[in-house]
Amino acid sequence: MRPGRLLTFALSILVISGPVWAQAPTPEKVSSPNVKILTDLYAQQFQEEMNLIVQGLGVTCDLCHVPRNFASEDKPIKLKARQMLEMTRALNKQYFPDYKPKEGESVLGRVTCYTCHKGEQLPKTSIGR
């Protein structure tokens, strides 16, 4: 093999195998003074949980969050959402302490936003409502 081809071959092997030696980035936990309830979650878990909340309530993110400023505390309903999440956690802790969510399920536990809301912003509280 000629020296030029040998060098090309060696460089090709390095380029192809480079990703094998590269380390995957370490997932980071969500760290923000405004995250008060869903703490100790990795960023992807946090986003998945927020998506489950949106689906459970049949709303969009801007119900509780100021668009393009999710850390803002300007919407009072954000406090109500935190209170509801605390209630959900308390129910799960008291009644389902050993429940371990499967992949894709809410980290909150067996009782979730969907349990009562069923995809509606306001849960039905009586027959016909």
N, C-alpha and C. Protein backbone atom coordinates (compact mmCIF):
# COMPACT_ATOMS: atom_id res chain seq x y z
N MET A 1 0.85 -1.17 0.00
CA MET A 1 0.00 0.00 0.00
C MET A 1 0.89 1.23 0.00
N ARG A 2 0.55 2.19 -0.81
CA ARG A 2 1.35 3.42 -0.88
C ARG A 2 1.13 4.25 0.38
N PRO A 3 2.15 5.06 0.78
CA PRO A 3 2.05 5.85 2.01
C PRO A 3 0.83 6.77 2.04
N GLY A 4 0.46 7.37 0.93
CA GLY A 4 -0.71 8.26 0.89
C GLY A 4 -1.99 7.52 1.19
N ARG A 5 -2.12 6.33 0.63
CA ARG A 5 -3.32 5.52 0.87
C ARG A 5 -3.35 5.01 2.31
N LEU A 6 -2.18 4.67 2.83
CA LEU A 6 -2.11 4.19 4.21
C LEU A 6 -2.56 5.29 5.17
N LEU A 7 -2.09 6.52 4.92
CA LEU A 7 -2.48 7.65 5.76
C LEU A 7 -3.99 7.91 5.65
N THR A 8 -4.52 7.86 4.45
CA THR A 8 -5.95 8.06 4.24
C THR A 8 -6.75 6.98 4.97
N PHE A 9 -6.29 5.74 4.87
CA PHE A 9 -6.96 4.62 5.54
C PHE A 9 -6.94 4.82 7.06
N ALA A 10 -5.78 5.20 7.61
CA ALA A 10 -5.65 5.39 9.06
C ALA A 10 -6.55 6.53 9.54
N LEU A 11 -6.59 7.62 8.80
CA LEU A 11 -7.45 8.74 9.18
C LEU A 11 -8.93 8.36 9.10
N SER A 12 -9.29 7.56 8.11
CA SER A 12 -10.67 7.11 7.98
C SER A 12 -11.09 6.29 9.19
N ILE A 13 -10.21 5.41 9.64
CA ILE A 13 -10.50 4.59 10.82
C ILE A 13 -10.70 5.49 12.04
N LEU A 14 -9.85 6.50 12.20
CA LEU A 14 -9.98 7.41 13.34
C LEU A 14 -11.29 8.18 13.30
N VAL A 15 -11.66 8.65 12.13
CA VAL A 15 -12.90 9.42 12.00
C VAL A 15 -14.11 8.54 12.30
N ILE A 16 -14.09 7.32 11.80
CA ILE A 16 -15.22 6.41 12.00
C ILE A 16 -15.32 5.98 13.45
N SER A 17 -14.19 5.71 14.09
CA SER A 17 -14.22 5.20 15.46
C SER A 17 -14.21 6.31 16.50
N GLY A 18 -14.08 7.55 16.10
CA GLY A 18 -14.06 8.66 17.05
C GLY A 18 -15.23 8.67 18.00
N PRO A 19 -16.46 8.50 17.51
CA PRO A 19 -17.60 8.51 18.41
C PRO A 19 -17.55 7.42 19.47
N VAL A 20 -16.86 6.32 19.20
CA VAL A 20 -16.75 5.25 20.18
C VAL A 20 -15.99 5.75 21.40
N TRP A 21 -14.96 6.56 21.19
CA TRP A 21 -14.15 7.05 22.29
C TRP A 21 -14.77 8.26 22.98
N ALA A 22 -15.65 8.94 22.30
CA ALA A 22 -16.27 10.12 22.89
C ALA A 22 -17.22 9.70 24.01
N GLN A 23 -17.21 10.43 25.09
CA GLN A 23 -18.11 10.13 26.19
C GLN A 23 -19.44 10.84 25.97
N ALA A 24 -20.50 10.14 26.31
CA ALA A 24 -21.82 10.76 26.22
C ALA A 24 -21.91 11.84 27.30
N PRO A 25 -22.58 12.93 27.01
CA PRO A 25 -22.71 13.98 28.03
C PRO A 25 -23.49 13.45 29.23
N THR A 26 -23.10 13.87 30.40
CA THR A 26 -23.78 13.47 31.62
C THR A 26 -25.09 14.25 31.72
N PRO A 27 -26.22 13.55 31.86
CA PRO A 27 -27.48 14.27 31.99
C PRO A 27 -27.45 15.15 33.24
N GLU A 28 -28.02 16.33 33.12
CA GLU A 28 -28.05 17.26 34.25
C GLU A 28 -29.46 17.34 34.82
N LYS A 29 -29.52 17.46 36.13
CA LYS A 29 -30.81 17.64 36.78
C LYS A 29 -31.26 19.08 36.61
N VAL A 30 -32.56 19.26 36.58
CA VAL A 30 -33.12 20.60 36.44
C VAL A 30 -32.74 21.39 37.69
N SER A 31 -32.16 22.52 37.46
CA SER A 31 -31.72 23.36 38.57
C SER A 31 -32.16 24.79 38.31
N SER A 32 -33.19 25.19 39.02
CA SER A 32 -33.71 26.54 38.89
C SER A 32 -34.42 26.90 40.18
N PRO A 33 -34.24 28.11 40.66
CA PRO A 33 -34.95 28.49 41.88
C PRO A 33 -36.47 28.47 41.70
N ASN A 34 -36.94 28.51 40.46
CA ASN A 34 -38.38 28.51 40.20
C ASN A 34 -38.97 27.11 40.12
N VAL A 35 -38.13 26.08 40.04
CA VAL A 35 -38.63 24.71 40.06
C VAL A 35 -38.73 24.32 41.52
N LYS A 36 -39.96 24.26 42.02
CA LYS A 36 -40.17 24.04 43.45
C LYS A 36 -40.77 22.68 43.78
N ILE A 37 -41.42 22.05 42.84
CA ILE A 37 -42.10 20.78 43.11
C ILE A 37 -41.42 19.61 42.41
N LEU A 38 -41.23 19.70 41.14
CA LEU A 38 -40.64 18.60 40.36
C LEU A 38 -39.12 18.68 40.39
N THR A 39 -38.57 18.67 41.58
CA THR A 39 -37.13 18.75 41.75
C THR A 39 -36.51 17.37 41.60
N ASP A 40 -35.23 17.31 41.49
CA ASP A 40 -34.47 16.05 41.37
C ASP A 40 -34.82 15.26 40.12
N LEU A 41 -35.31 15.92 39.09
CA LEU A 41 -35.56 15.26 37.81
C LEU A 41 -34.50 15.71 36.82
N TYR A 42 -34.12 14.81 35.94
CA TYR A 42 -33.25 15.20 34.84
C TYR A 42 -34.08 16.02 33.86
N ALA A 43 -33.40 16.82 33.07
CA ALA A 43 -34.09 17.74 32.16
C ALA A 43 -35.11 17.01 31.28
N GLN A 44 -34.73 15.85 30.74
CA GLN A 44 -35.66 15.12 29.88
C GLN A 44 -36.86 14.61 30.68
N GLN A 45 -36.62 14.10 31.89
CA GLN A 45 -37.72 13.65 32.74
C GLN A 45 -38.66 14.81 33.07
N PHE A 46 -38.07 15.96 33.37
CA PHE A 46 -38.85 17.14 33.71
C PHE A 46 -39.76 17.53 32.53
N GLN A 47 -39.20 17.55 31.33
CA GLN A 47 -39.99 17.91 30.16
C GLN A 47 -41.09 16.89 29.91
N GLU A 48 -40.78 15.60 30.08
CA GLU A 48 -41.79 14.56 29.89
C GLU A 48 -42.92 14.72 30.91
N GLU A 49 -42.57 15.05 32.15
CA GLU A 49 -43.59 15.24 33.18
C GLU A 49 -44.46 16.45 32.87
N MET A 50 -43.85 17.52 32.42
CA MET A 50 -44.63 18.70 32.04
C MET A 50 -45.57 18.37 30.88
N ASN A 51 -45.11 17.55 29.94
CA ASN A 51 -45.97 17.13 28.83
C ASN A 51 -47.16 16.31 29.33
N LEU A 52 -46.93 15.44 30.32
CA LEU A 52 -48.03 14.66 30.89
C LEU A 52 -49.04 15.56 31.61
N ILE A 53 -48.55 16.59 32.25
CA ILE A 53 -49.44 17.54 32.93
C ILE A 53 -50.31 18.26 31.91
N VAL A 54 -49.70 18.75 30.84
CA VAL A 54 -50.43 19.43 29.77
C VAL A 54 -51.50 18.51 29.19
N GLN A 55 -51.15 17.25 28.94
CA GLN A 55 -52.12 16.29 28.40
C GLN A 55 -53.22 16.00 29.41
N GLY A 56 -52.84 15.84 30.67
CA GLY A 56 -53.81 15.52 31.71
C GLY A 56 -54.84 16.62 31.92
N LEU A 57 -54.44 17.85 31.65
CA LEU A 57 -55.34 18.99 31.83
C LEU A 57 -55.95 19.49 30.53
N GLY A 58 -55.48 18.98 29.40
CA GLY A 58 -56.01 19.44 28.12
C GLY A 58 -55.74 20.91 27.87
N VAL A 59 -54.57 21.38 28.28
CA VAL A 59 -54.22 22.80 28.14
C VAL A 59 -52.89 22.92 27.40
N THR A 60 -52.45 24.15 27.24
CA THR A 60 -51.11 24.39 26.70
C THR A 60 -50.26 25.00 27.81
N CYS A 61 -48.97 25.04 27.57
CA CYS A 61 -48.02 25.52 28.58
C CYS A 61 -48.34 26.93 29.06
N ASP A 62 -48.87 27.76 28.14
CA ASP A 62 -49.08 29.16 28.51
C ASP A 62 -50.25 29.38 29.46
N LEU A 63 -50.93 28.32 29.87
CA LEU A 63 -51.92 28.49 30.93
C LEU A 63 -51.21 28.94 32.22
N CYS A 64 -50.09 28.31 32.53
CA CYS A 64 -49.35 28.62 33.76
C CYS A 64 -48.09 29.43 33.52
N HIS A 65 -47.54 29.32 32.31
CA HIS A 65 -46.26 29.95 32.02
C HIS A 65 -46.40 31.14 31.07
N VAL A 66 -45.57 32.14 31.31
CA VAL A 66 -45.47 33.27 30.39
C VAL A 66 -44.65 32.79 29.19
N PRO A 67 -45.19 32.90 27.97
CA PRO A 67 -44.42 32.45 26.81
C PRO A 67 -43.04 33.11 26.76
N ARG A 68 -42.06 32.32 26.41
CA ARG A 68 -40.66 32.74 26.29
C ARG A 68 -40.05 33.18 27.62
N ASN A 69 -40.76 32.96 28.74
CA ASN A 69 -40.21 33.25 30.06
C ASN A 69 -40.84 32.30 31.08
N PHE A 70 -40.53 31.02 30.92
CA PHE A 70 -41.17 30.00 31.74
C PHE A 70 -40.85 30.15 33.23
N ALA A 71 -39.76 30.82 33.56
CA ALA A 71 -39.39 31.02 34.97
C ALA A 71 -40.22 32.10 35.65
N SER A 72 -40.92 32.90 34.88
CA SER A 72 -41.70 34.01 35.43
C SER A 72 -42.74 33.49 36.43
N GLU A 73 -42.97 34.28 37.45
CA GLU A 73 -43.98 33.97 38.46
C GLU A 73 -45.20 34.87 38.30
N ASP A 74 -45.36 35.46 37.12
CA ASP A 74 -46.41 36.46 36.90
C ASP A 74 -47.83 35.90 36.80
N LYS A 75 -47.98 34.60 36.60
CA LYS A 75 -49.32 34.04 36.47
C LYS A 75 -49.73 33.35 37.78
N PRO A 76 -50.77 33.86 38.43
CA PRO A 76 -51.21 33.29 39.71
C PRO A 76 -51.58 31.81 39.62
N ILE A 77 -52.03 31.37 38.46
CA ILE A 77 -52.44 29.97 38.32
C ILE A 77 -51.25 29.02 38.48
N LYS A 78 -50.05 29.54 38.31
CA LYS A 78 -48.85 28.72 38.51
C LYS A 78 -48.77 28.25 39.97
N LEU A 79 -49.14 29.12 40.90
CA LEU A 79 -49.17 28.75 42.32
C LEU A 79 -50.22 27.66 42.55
N LYS A 80 -51.39 27.80 41.93
CA LYS A 80 -52.44 26.79 42.06
C LYS A 80 -51.95 25.45 41.51
N ALA A 81 -51.23 25.49 40.40
CA ALA A 81 -50.69 24.25 39.82
C ALA A 81 -49.73 23.59 40.80
N ARG A 82 -48.90 24.38 41.44
CA ARG A 82 -47.96 23.82 42.44
C ARG A 82 -48.72 23.18 43.60
N GLN A 83 -49.79 23.84 44.03
CA GLN A 83 -50.60 23.29 45.12
C GLN A 83 -51.23 21.96 44.71
N MET A 84 -51.69 21.89 43.48
CA MET A 84 -52.29 20.65 42.99
C MET A 84 -51.24 19.54 42.90
N LEU A 85 -50.03 19.89 42.48
CA LEU A 85 -48.96 18.89 42.42
C LEU A 85 -48.60 18.40 43.82
N GLU A 86 -48.59 19.30 44.80
CA GLU A 86 -48.33 18.90 46.19
C GLU A 86 -49.43 17.95 46.68
N MET A 87 -50.69 18.25 46.35
CA MET A 87 -51.79 17.39 46.74
C MET A 87 -51.63 16.01 46.11
N THR A 88 -51.27 15.99 44.84
CA THR A 88 -51.08 14.73 44.13
C THR A 88 -49.96 13.92 44.77
N ARG A 89 -48.87 14.57 45.09
CA ARG A 89 -47.77 13.88 45.77
C ARG A 89 -48.21 13.32 47.12
N ALA A 90 -48.97 14.09 47.88
CA ALA A 90 -49.43 13.64 49.19
C ALA A 90 -50.33 12.41 49.06
N LEU A 91 -51.23 12.43 48.09
CA LEU A 91 -52.11 11.27 47.87
C LEU A 91 -51.29 10.03 47.53
N ASN A 92 -50.32 10.19 46.64
CA ASN A 92 -49.49 9.05 46.26
C ASN A 92 -48.66 8.55 47.43
N LYS A 93 -48.14 9.46 48.21
CA LYS A 93 -47.31 9.07 49.36
C LYS A 93 -48.14 8.30 50.39
N GLN A 94 -49.37 8.76 50.62
CA GLN A 94 -50.21 8.13 51.63
C GLN A 94 -50.81 6.81 51.15
N TYR A 95 -51.30 6.76 49.92
CA TYR A 95 -52.05 5.60 49.47
C TYR A 95 -51.28 4.64 48.56
N PHE A 96 -50.21 5.11 47.94
CA PHE A 96 -49.44 4.26 47.03
C PHE A 96 -47.94 4.43 47.27
N PRO A 97 -47.48 4.26 48.51
CA PRO A 97 -46.08 4.54 48.82
C PRO A 97 -45.08 3.64 48.11
N ASP A 98 -45.49 2.44 47.74
CA ASP A 98 -44.56 1.50 47.11
C ASP A 98 -44.66 1.46 45.60
N TYR A 99 -45.53 2.28 45.04
CA TYR A 99 -45.73 2.27 43.58
C TYR A 99 -44.51 2.85 42.88
N LYS A 100 -44.02 2.12 41.90
CA LYS A 100 -42.88 2.56 41.08
C LYS A 100 -43.38 2.76 39.65
N PRO A 101 -43.42 4.00 39.16
CA PRO A 101 -43.90 4.24 37.79
C PRO A 101 -43.04 3.53 36.76
N LYS A 102 -43.69 3.04 35.74
CA LYS A 102 -42.98 2.43 34.61
C LYS A 102 -42.51 3.54 33.68
N GLU A 103 -41.62 3.18 32.78
CA GLU A 103 -41.12 4.16 31.82
C GLU A 103 -42.28 4.76 31.04
N GLY A 104 -42.29 6.07 30.93
CA GLY A 104 -43.35 6.76 30.20
C GLY A 104 -44.51 7.18 31.09
N GLU A 105 -44.55 6.67 32.33
CA GLU A 105 -45.60 7.06 33.26
C GLU A 105 -45.15 8.27 34.08
N SER A 106 -46.10 8.92 34.69
CA SER A 106 -45.81 10.09 35.51
C SER A 106 -44.95 9.71 36.71
N VAL A 107 -43.95 10.54 36.98
CA VAL A 107 -43.11 10.32 38.17
C VAL A 107 -43.88 10.66 39.44
N LEU A 108 -45.03 11.29 39.31
CA LEU A 108 -45.82 11.63 40.49
C LEU A 108 -46.33 10.38 41.18
N GLY A 109 -46.62 9.33 40.42
CA GLY A 109 -47.12 8.10 41.00
C GLY A 109 -48.39 7.64 40.31
N ARG A 110 -49.16 6.84 41.02
CA ARG A 110 -50.38 6.28 40.44
C ARG A 110 -51.45 7.36 40.23
N VAL A 111 -51.59 8.26 41.17
CA VAL A 111 -52.54 9.38 41.02
C VAL A 111 -51.81 10.49 40.27
N THR A 112 -52.41 10.94 39.18
CA THR A 112 -51.80 11.98 38.35
C THR A 112 -52.85 13.06 38.08
N CYS A 113 -52.46 14.06 37.35
CA CYS A 113 -53.40 15.11 36.96
C CYS A 113 -54.58 14.50 36.20
N TYR A 114 -54.27 13.53 35.34
CA TYR A 114 -55.31 12.92 34.51
C TYR A 114 -56.35 12.16 35.34
N THR A 115 -55.95 11.66 36.51
CA THR A 115 -56.86 10.89 37.35
C THR A 115 -58.17 11.63 37.58
N CYS A 116 -58.09 12.91 37.84
CA CYS A 116 -59.29 13.71 38.09
C CYS A 116 -59.70 14.57 36.89
N HIS A 117 -58.72 15.12 36.22
CA HIS A 117 -59.02 16.08 35.15
C HIS A 117 -59.46 15.43 33.85
N LYS A 118 -58.97 14.24 33.57
CA LYS A 118 -59.37 13.51 32.35
C LYS A 118 -59.25 14.35 31.09
N GLY A 119 -58.18 15.14 31.01
CA GLY A 119 -57.96 15.95 29.81
C GLY A 119 -58.72 17.26 29.79
N GLU A 120 -59.32 17.64 30.90
CA GLU A 120 -60.09 18.89 30.99
C GLU A 120 -59.42 19.83 32.00
N GLN A 121 -59.40 21.12 31.71
CA GLN A 121 -58.79 22.07 32.64
C GLN A 121 -59.46 22.01 34.00
N LEU A 122 -60.78 21.97 34.01
CA LEU A 122 -61.52 21.86 35.27
C LEU A 122 -62.14 20.47 35.35
N PRO A 123 -61.86 19.74 36.42
CA PRO A 123 -62.44 18.40 36.52
C PRO A 123 -63.95 18.48 36.73
N LYS A 124 -64.63 17.49 36.21
CA LYS A 124 -66.08 17.42 36.42
C LYS A 124 -66.31 17.04 37.88
N THR A 125 -67.16 17.79 38.55
CA THR A 125 -67.38 17.54 39.97
C THR A 125 -68.75 16.92 40.26
N SER A 126 -69.60 16.88 39.26
CA SER A 126 -70.91 16.27 39.47
C SER A 126 -71.44 15.76 38.14
N ILE A 127 -72.44 14.94 38.20
CA ILE A 127 -73.05 14.39 37.00
C ILE A 127 -73.65 15.54 36.18
N GLY A 128 -73.39 15.52 34.90
CA GLY A 128 -73.95 16.53 34.02
C GLY A 128 -73.09 17.78 33.87
N ARG A 129 -72.04 17.89 34.61
CA ARG A 129 -71.18 19.08 34.48
C ARG A 129 -70.03 18.78 33.58
